[in-house]
């Protein structure tokens, strides 16, 4: 899946850069037309006898050929969605070829083929660059087959053009190698950074999560308590604290061993996790005691949630113990006049009452008898 995503990303980038090259081609085409128009105006002014031939042969014909090429290429890219280096190489080479053929008397235009290879550099692919070289060499070789071209330049000049293109290709390859080296180094650096982020996230999780139950630990519970306390005081957000303690857990460890006791702890933690909502904070406070901060609920709703949790735990059979276990719960809603320590202490007192009154019950002194029933 990762490779496929990377491939799709590369394809999208190639399409983007193909469209940018197309824009460059259009700009070069407009520059060419502007140059031809300027030349025609100068010819009309200084050499009026040659203006008609110039207008037809050096302006209309090459401009029509180039415009047709650009129109076809734009249609294939924008309408048909064909975006590849072959199309851009052929288009660029033919545009330059049209300029050279219509200006055979101007020496040195063969160097323009270098611009086409330079444009292909944006793909950062040596195979695409090599393909561009071959196409341009074929084009420049075919130019020498034109008699007017052979009469214009010597074989020595022609050879120089070929070697300049080959030399430019060699330089472009070095540039590509360096660019790919930089990209590889950047890729490795990003991978290492991602690994460090993952490790950092894992380490942060280890500092916040109890490894046995996968609930928040004692330290993280107090961090959330501080935050939610401020929220309650400043914005009147309802916050309740429930302290849950497994009844007779010491006997479980003594009679069945700590390994089976750990299994029971995990199951109780799982039951708590499944019952609370994403807005709530469940933590293993210590030993067999759990603390749950419940938010954005009425006290009655929270009481019902805890009662459902208590009944579920009481009805779950543990084959390791050949018995069921129960929990006692103290529940308190935070009031503005409470300090954080008072809030926790009063909830702990309610848990003590639940234990003292016979266990397996939820005690809350802020609810009416009717609400409890």
Protein backbone atom coordinates (compact mmCIF):
# COMPACT_ATOMS: atom_id res chain seq x y z
CA UNK A 1 0.00 0.00 0.00
CA UNK A 2 2.87 2.38 0.83
CA UNK A 3 4.56 1.75 -2.52
CA UNK A 4 1.30 2.24 -4.40
CA UNK A 5 0.69 5.53 -2.60
CA UNK A 6 4.23 6.67 -3.39
CA UNK A 7 3.76 5.69 -7.05
CA UNK A 8 0.51 7.66 -7.29
CA UNK A 9 2.20 10.65 -5.68
CA UNK A 10 5.02 10.51 -8.26
CA UNK A 11 2.50 10.25 -11.11
CA UNK A 12 0.65 13.33 -9.83
CA UNK A 13 3.93 15.23 -9.61
CA UNK A 14 4.90 14.18 -13.15
CA UNK A 15 1.57 15.46 -14.44
CA UNK A 16 2.08 18.74 -12.60
CA UNK A 17 5.56 19.24 -14.05
CA UNK A 18 4.41 18.21 -17.52
CA UNK A 19 1.84 21.00 -17.38
CA UNK A 20 4.55 23.43 -16.24
CA UNK A 21 6.75 22.42 -19.19
CA UNK A 22 3.75 22.98 -21.46
CA UNK A 23 3.43 26.52 -20.08
CA UNK A 24 7.13 27.09 -20.81
CA UNK A 25 6.61 25.86 -24.38
CA UNK A 26 3.74 28.30 -24.82
CA UNK A 27 5.90 31.14 -23.49
CA UNK A 28 8.72 30.21 -25.90
CA UNK A 29 6.18 30.04 -28.73
CA UNK A 30 4.92 33.55 -27.91
CA UNK A 31 8.50 34.82 -27.69
CA UNK A 32 9.19 33.27 -31.09
CA UNK A 33 6.09 34.90 -32.61
CA UNK A 34 7.04 38.23 -31.04
CA UNK A 35 10.53 37.93 -32.52
CA UNK A 36 9.14 37.10 -35.95
CA UNK A 37 6.70 40.00 -35.78
CA UNK A 38 9.50 42.35 -34.79
CA UNK A 39 11.61 41.05 -37.68
CA UNK A 40 8.74 41.51 -40.11
CA UNK A 41 8.13 45.10 -38.96
CA UNK A 42 11.81 45.90 -39.38
CA UNK A 43 11.77 44.27 -42.82
CA UNK A 44 8.71 46.27 -43.88
CA UNK A 45 10.37 49.47 -42.73
CA UNK A 46 13.87 48.95 -44.11
CA UNK A 47 13.39 46.32 -46.84
CA UNK A 48 9.82 46.62 -48.11
CA UNK A 49 10.57 44.54 -51.20
CA UNK A 50 11.21 41.46 -49.02
CA UNK A 51 8.32 41.98 -46.60
CA UNK A 52 5.79 39.81 -48.45
CA UNK A 53 8.09 36.78 -48.63
CA UNK A 54 9.16 37.29 -45.03
CA UNK A 55 5.56 37.46 -43.83
CA UNK A 56 4.59 34.21 -45.52
CA UNK A 57 7.73 32.09 -45.20
CA UNK A 58 9.17 33.29 -41.91
CA UNK A 59 6.06 34.25 -39.98
CA UNK A 60 2.83 32.60 -41.16
CA UNK A 61 4.17 29.13 -42.08
CA UNK A 62 6.37 28.50 -38.99
CA UNK A 63 3.79 30.09 -36.67
CA UNK A 64 1.05 27.87 -38.09
CA UNK A 65 3.19 24.74 -37.68
CA UNK A 66 4.16 25.65 -34.12
CA UNK A 67 0.61 26.62 -33.18
CA UNK A 68 -0.70 23.31 -34.53
CA UNK A 69 1.91 21.41 -32.49
CA UNK A 70 1.08 23.33 -29.33
CA UNK A 71 -2.65 22.92 -29.89
CA UNK A 72 -2.38 19.15 -30.34
CA UNK A 73 -0.10 18.79 -27.31
CA UNK A 74 -2.36 20.93 -25.13
CA UNK A 75 -5.38 18.87 -26.20
CA UNK A 76 -3.62 15.59 -25.38
CA UNK A 77 -2.51 16.83 -21.96
CA UNK A 78 -5.52 18.85 -20.82
CA UNK A 79 -8.38 16.94 -22.46
CA UNK A 80 -7.11 13.40 -22.96
CA UNK A 81 -5.01 13.36 -19.78
CA UNK A 82 -1.87 12.11 -21.55
CA UNK A 83 1.09 13.39 -19.54
CA UNK A 84 4.45 11.78 -20.27
CA UNK A 85 7.97 12.73 -21.19
CA UNK A 86 7.72 11.22 -24.69
CA UNK A 87 5.03 13.69 -25.71
CA UNK A 88 6.91 16.64 -24.21
CA UNK A 89 10.21 15.56 -25.81
CA UNK A 90 8.70 15.18 -29.28
CA UNK A 91 6.80 18.47 -29.00
CA UNK A 92 9.83 20.43 -27.82
CA UNK A 93 12.08 18.92 -30.46
CA UNK A 94 9.60 19.59 -33.29
CA UNK A 95 9.10 23.20 -32.16
CA UNK A 96 12.84 23.80 -32.28
CA UNK A 97 13.10 21.90 -35.55
CA UNK A 98 10.49 24.22 -37.11
CA UNK A 99 12.43 27.30 -35.98
CA UNK A 100 15.71 26.00 -37.41
CA UNK A 101 14.25 24.88 -40.76
CA UNK A 102 12.64 28.26 -41.35
CA UNK A 103 15.88 30.05 -40.47
CA UNK A 104 18.55 27.94 -42.13
CA UNK A 105 20.59 31.05 -42.84
CA UNK A 106 21.06 31.75 -39.12
CA UNK A 107 24.02 29.76 -37.71
CA UNK A 108 23.98 28.24 -34.24
CA UNK A 109 20.25 27.62 -33.82
CA UNK A 110 21.02 23.91 -33.45
CA UNK A 111 22.09 24.71 -29.90
CA UNK A 112 18.40 25.26 -29.08
CA UNK A 113 18.03 21.48 -28.78
CA UNK A 114 19.86 21.83 -25.45
CA UNK A 115 16.86 23.79 -24.10
CA UNK A 116 14.62 20.81 -24.75
CA UNK A 117 16.93 18.47 -22.81
CA UNK A 118 17.11 21.03 -20.00
CA UNK A 119 13.30 21.03 -19.76
CA UNK A 120 13.28 17.24 -19.34
CA UNK A 121 15.56 17.60 -16.31
CA UNK A 122 12.51 18.39 -14.17
CA UNK A 123 11.55 14.70 -14.25
CA UNK A 124 14.83 13.84 -12.45
CA UNK A 125 15.09 10.66 -14.52
CA UNK A 126 18.22 9.72 -16.49
CA UNK A 127 16.28 7.39 -18.81
CA UNK A 128 13.99 10.25 -19.82
CA UNK A 129 17.02 12.49 -20.37
CA UNK A 130 18.70 9.82 -22.52
CA UNK A 131 15.54 9.44 -24.61
CA UNK A 132 15.55 13.21 -25.14
CA UNK A 133 19.19 13.02 -26.28
CA UNK A 134 18.43 10.33 -28.86
CA UNK A 135 15.46 12.26 -30.29
CA UNK A 136 17.50 15.46 -30.52
CA UNK A 137 20.43 13.67 -32.17
CA UNK A 138 18.06 12.19 -34.75
CA UNK A 139 16.64 15.66 -35.36
CA UNK A 140 20.01 17.34 -35.77
CA UNK A 141 21.24 14.53 -38.04
CA UNK A 142 18.17 14.90 -40.23
CA UNK A 143 18.86 18.63 -40.53
CA UNK A 144 22.13 17.87 -42.26
CA UNK A 145 20.20 15.98 -44.94
CA UNK A 146 18.66 19.28 -46.06
CA UNK A 147 20.81 20.66 -48.93
CA UNK A 148 20.41 24.27 -47.79
CA UNK A 149 21.74 23.28 -44.36
CA UNK A 150 24.78 21.56 -45.84
CA UNK A 151 25.48 24.69 -47.86
CA UNK A 152 25.20 26.85 -44.77
CA UNK A 153 27.54 25.04 -42.36
CA UNK A 154 30.63 22.91 -42.73
CA UNK A 155 30.95 19.35 -41.49
CA UNK A 156 33.26 20.70 -38.79
CA UNK A 157 30.59 23.13 -37.53
CA UNK A 158 27.98 20.42 -37.65
CA UNK A 159 30.22 18.08 -35.63
CA UNK A 160 30.72 20.85 -33.07
CA UNK A 161 26.96 21.16 -32.60
CA UNK A 162 26.69 17.40 -32.04
CA UNK A 163 29.52 17.39 -29.51
CA UNK A 164 28.07 20.40 -27.70
CA UNK A 165 24.78 18.52 -27.32
CA UNK A 166 26.63 15.41 -26.11
CA UNK A 167 28.65 17.53 -23.68
CA UNK A 168 25.49 19.18 -22.37
CA UNK A 169 23.94 15.75 -21.92
CA UNK A 170 26.95 14.65 -19.84
CA UNK A 171 26.67 17.74 -17.66
CA UNK A 172 22.93 17.19 -17.25
CA UNK A 173 23.59 13.61 -16.15
CA UNK A 174 25.98 14.84 -13.48
CA UNK A 175 23.36 17.36 -12.32
CA UNK A 176 20.76 14.58 -12.16
CA UNK A 177 23.09 12.32 -10.20
CA UNK A 178 23.73 15.07 -7.69
CA UNK A 179 20.01 15.91 -7.46
CA UNK A 180 19.09 12.26 -6.89
CA UNK A 181 21.83 11.99 -4.27
CA UNK A 182 20.41 14.99 -2.43
CA UNK A 183 16.89 13.54 -2.69
CA UNK A 184 18.08 10.18 -1.35
CA UNK A 185 19.77 11.89 1.58
CA UNK A 186 16.62 13.91 2.21
CA UNK A 187 14.50 10.76 2.01
CA UNK A 188 16.73 8.97 4.52
CA UNK A 189 16.64 12.00 6.81
CA UNK A 190 12.83 12.07 6.64
CA UNK A 191 12.67 8.33 7.37
CA UNK A 192 14.92 8.76 10.41
CA UNK A 193 12.82 11.70 11.60
CA UNK A 194 9.65 9.63 11.20
CA UNK A 195 11.24 6.78 13.15
CA UNK A 196 12.19 9.21 15.90
CA UNK A 197 8.64 10.58 15.96
CA UNK A 198 7.25 7.05 16.26
CA UNK A 199 9.73 6.21 19.04
CA UNK A 200 8.93 9.48 20.79
CA UNK A 201 5.21 8.76 20.53
CA UNK A 202 5.73 5.27 21.91
CA UNK A 203 7.84 6.59 24.77
CA UNK A 204 5.23 9.24 25.52
CA UNK A 205 2.55 6.56 25.51
CA UNK A 206 4.61 4.44 27.91
CA UNK A 207 4.80 7.39 30.31
CA UNK A 208 1.01 7.86 30.18
CA UNK A 209 -0.38 4.33 29.92
CA UNK A 210 -0.50 1.55 32.49
CA UNK A 211 1.14 -1.40 30.68
CA UNK A 212 -1.08 -4.09 32.24
CA UNK A 213 -4.52 -2.57 31.65
CA UNK A 214 -3.84 -0.10 28.80
CA UNK A 215 -5.67 2.55 30.80
CA UNK A 216 -4.07 5.85 31.76
CA UNK A 217 -1.72 5.66 34.73
CA UNK A 218 -1.79 7.46 38.07
CA UNK A 219 0.32 10.41 36.86
CA UNK A 220 -1.76 11.02 33.74
CA UNK A 221 -4.97 10.84 35.75
CA UNK A 222 -3.86 13.81 37.84
CA UNK A 223 -2.88 15.76 34.72
CA UNK A 224 -6.40 15.34 33.35
CA UNK A 225 -7.91 16.07 36.75
CA UNK A 226 -6.07 19.41 36.82
CA UNK A 227 -7.30 20.26 33.33
CA UNK A 228 -10.92 19.23 33.88
CA UNK A 229 -11.02 20.97 37.24
CA UNK A 230 -10.16 24.26 35.50
CA UNK A 231 -12.76 23.58 32.80
CA UNK A 232 -15.44 22.98 35.40
CA UNK A 233 -14.59 26.12 37.36
CA UNK A 234 -14.37 28.41 34.31
CA UNK A 235 -17.07 27.02 32.01
CA UNK A 236 -19.49 25.10 34.25
CA UNK A 237 -18.75 21.84 32.46
CA UNK A 238 -20.15 18.94 34.51
CA UNK A 239 -17.40 16.65 35.78
CA UNK A 240 -17.83 13.55 37.93
CA UNK A 241 -15.22 11.33 39.52
CA UNK A 242 -15.80 7.62 40.06
CA UNK A 243 -13.41 5.52 42.13
CA UNK A 244 -13.82 1.80 41.44
CA UNK A 245 -12.28 -0.88 43.63
CA UNK A 246 -12.38 -4.65 43.07
CA UNK A 247 -13.90 -6.34 46.11
CA UNK A 248 -11.80 -8.89 48.00
CA UNK A 249 -9.02 -8.68 45.43
CA UNK A 250 -6.37 -9.64 47.97
CA UNK A 251 -8.08 -13.04 48.32
CA UNK A 252 -7.96 -13.44 44.54
CA UNK A 253 -4.19 -12.98 44.56
CA UNK A 254 -3.70 -15.13 47.66
CA UNK A 255 -5.89 -18.04 46.49
CA UNK A 256 -5.35 -17.99 42.74
CA UNK A 257 -2.01 -16.26 42.25
CA UNK A 258 -0.96 -12.89 40.93
CA UNK A 259 -1.03 -14.02 37.29
CA UNK A 260 -4.74 -14.80 37.55
CA UNK A 261 -5.20 -11.57 39.47
CA UNK A 262 -3.66 -9.73 36.51
CA UNK A 263 -6.15 -11.43 34.18
CA UNK A 264 -9.01 -10.17 36.34
CA UNK A 265 -7.55 -6.65 36.33
CA UNK A 266 -7.36 -6.70 32.53
CA UNK A 267 -10.98 -7.82 32.21
CA UNK A 268 -12.24 -5.16 34.59
CA UNK A 269 -10.19 -2.53 32.73
CA UNK A 270 -11.63 -3.76 29.44
CA UNK A 271 -15.16 -3.49 30.82
CA UNK A 272 -14.47 0.08 31.96
CA UNK A 273 -12.97 1.02 28.57
CA UNK A 274 -15.99 -0.30 26.71
CA UNK A 275 -18.48 1.45 28.96
CA UNK A 276 -17.04 4.95 29.17
CA UNK A 277 -17.22 7.39 26.24
CA UNK A 278 -14.49 9.20 24.32
CA UNK A 279 -15.11 12.26 26.50
CA UNK A 280 -14.19 10.33 29.65
CA UNK A 281 -10.82 9.52 31.21
CA UNK A 282 -10.29 6.04 32.65
CA UNK A 283 -7.15 5.28 34.63
CA UNK A 284 -5.70 2.60 36.83
CA UNK A 285 -5.15 4.54 40.00
CA UNK A 286 -3.19 1.83 41.77
CA UNK A 287 -3.37 -1.87 42.57
CA UNK A 288 -6.99 -2.97 42.12
CA UNK A 289 -8.38 0.59 42.15
CA UNK A 290 -9.52 2.50 39.07
CA UNK A 291 -10.43 6.16 38.65
CA UNK A 292 -12.77 7.49 35.97
CA UNK A 293 -13.38 11.16 35.16
CA UNK A 294 -16.70 11.54 33.36
CA UNK A 295 -17.63 14.75 31.53
CA UNK A 296 -20.58 16.46 29.83
CA UNK A 297 -23.14 14.21 31.51
CA UNK A 298 -25.72 14.71 34.18
CA UNK A 299 -25.01 13.05 37.50
CA UNK A 300 -27.99 10.76 36.98
CA UNK A 301 -26.68 9.59 33.58
CA UNK A 302 -23.26 8.93 35.03
CA UNK A 303 -24.78 6.95 37.88
CA UNK A 304 -26.70 4.75 35.42
CA UNK A 305 -23.53 4.15 33.38
CA UNK A 306 -21.64 3.06 36.48
CA UNK A 307 -24.47 0.83 37.63
CA UNK A 308 -24.54 -0.88 34.24
CA UNK A 309 -20.77 -1.32 34.49
CA UNK A 310 -21.03 -2.75 38.00
CA UNK A 311 -23.70 -5.27 36.96
CA UNK A 312 -21.71 -6.33 33.92
CA UNK A 313 -18.60 -6.98 36.02
CA UNK A 314 -20.62 -8.85 38.65
CA UNK A 315 -22.17 -11.12 36.02
CA UNK A 316 -18.93 -12.03 34.24
CA UNK A 317 -17.70 -15.51 35.15
CA UNK A 318 -13.94 -16.01 35.52
CA UNK A 319 -12.90 -19.58 34.81
CA UNK A 320 -9.53 -18.95 36.47
CA UNK A 321 -11.33 -18.25 39.75
CA UNK A 322 -14.30 -20.51 39.11
CA UNK A 323 -16.33 -17.57 40.34
CA UNK A 324 -17.42 -14.00 39.63
CA UNK A 325 -16.01 -10.83 41.16
CA UNK A 326 -17.68 -7.57 42.16
CA UNK A 327 -16.65 -3.94 42.45
CA UNK A 328 -17.55 -1.09 44.77
CA UNK A 329 -17.87 2.44 43.40
CA UNK A 330 -17.78 5.89 44.95
CA UNK A 331 -19.22 8.68 42.78
CA UNK A 332 -18.98 12.43 43.28
CA UNK A 333 -19.78 15.42 41.08
CA UNK A 334 -17.32 18.30 41.17
CA UNK A 335 -18.67 21.48 42.69
CA UNK A 336 -17.02 24.87 42.34
CA UNK A 337 -16.31 25.27 46.04
CA UNK A 338 -14.29 22.02 46.08
CA UNK A 339 -10.55 22.03 45.87
CA UNK A 340 -9.04 19.21 43.84
CA UNK A 341 -7.90 17.40 46.95
CA UNK A 342 -11.34 17.79 48.56
CA UNK A 343 -12.98 16.47 45.40
CA UNK A 344 -10.83 13.36 45.41
CA UNK A 345 -11.01 12.86 49.19
CA UNK A 346 -14.82 13.02 49.28
CA UNK A 347 -15.08 10.56 46.40
CA UNK A 348 -12.72 8.24 48.24
CA UNK A 349 -14.93 8.52 51.34
CA UNK A 350 -17.92 7.42 49.25
CA UNK A 351 -15.94 4.43 48.00
CA UNK A 352 -15.18 3.58 51.63
CA UNK A 353 -18.92 3.73 52.43
CA UNK A 354 -19.67 1.39 49.53
CA UNK A 355 -17.13 -1.07 50.93
CA UNK A 356 -18.35 -0.68 54.51
CA UNK A 357 -22.02 -1.09 53.56
CA UNK A 358 -21.54 -4.51 52.03
CA UNK A 359 -19.62 -3.92 48.78
CA UNK A 360 -20.88 -4.46 45.22
CA UNK A 361 -22.67 -1.12 45.12
CA UNK A 362 -22.37 2.47 43.88
CA UNK A 363 -22.58 5.21 46.50
CA UNK A 364 -23.30 8.86 45.65
CA UNK A 365 -24.45 11.35 48.28
CA UNK A 366 -25.60 13.96 45.75
CA UNK A 367 -28.50 11.95 44.32
CA UNK A 368 -31.98 11.59 45.75
CA UNK A 369 -33.25 8.16 46.66
CA UNK A 370 -35.67 8.29 43.71
CA UNK A 371 -32.83 9.01 41.28
CA UNK A 372 -30.79 6.14 42.65
CA UNK A 373 -33.66 3.74 42.25
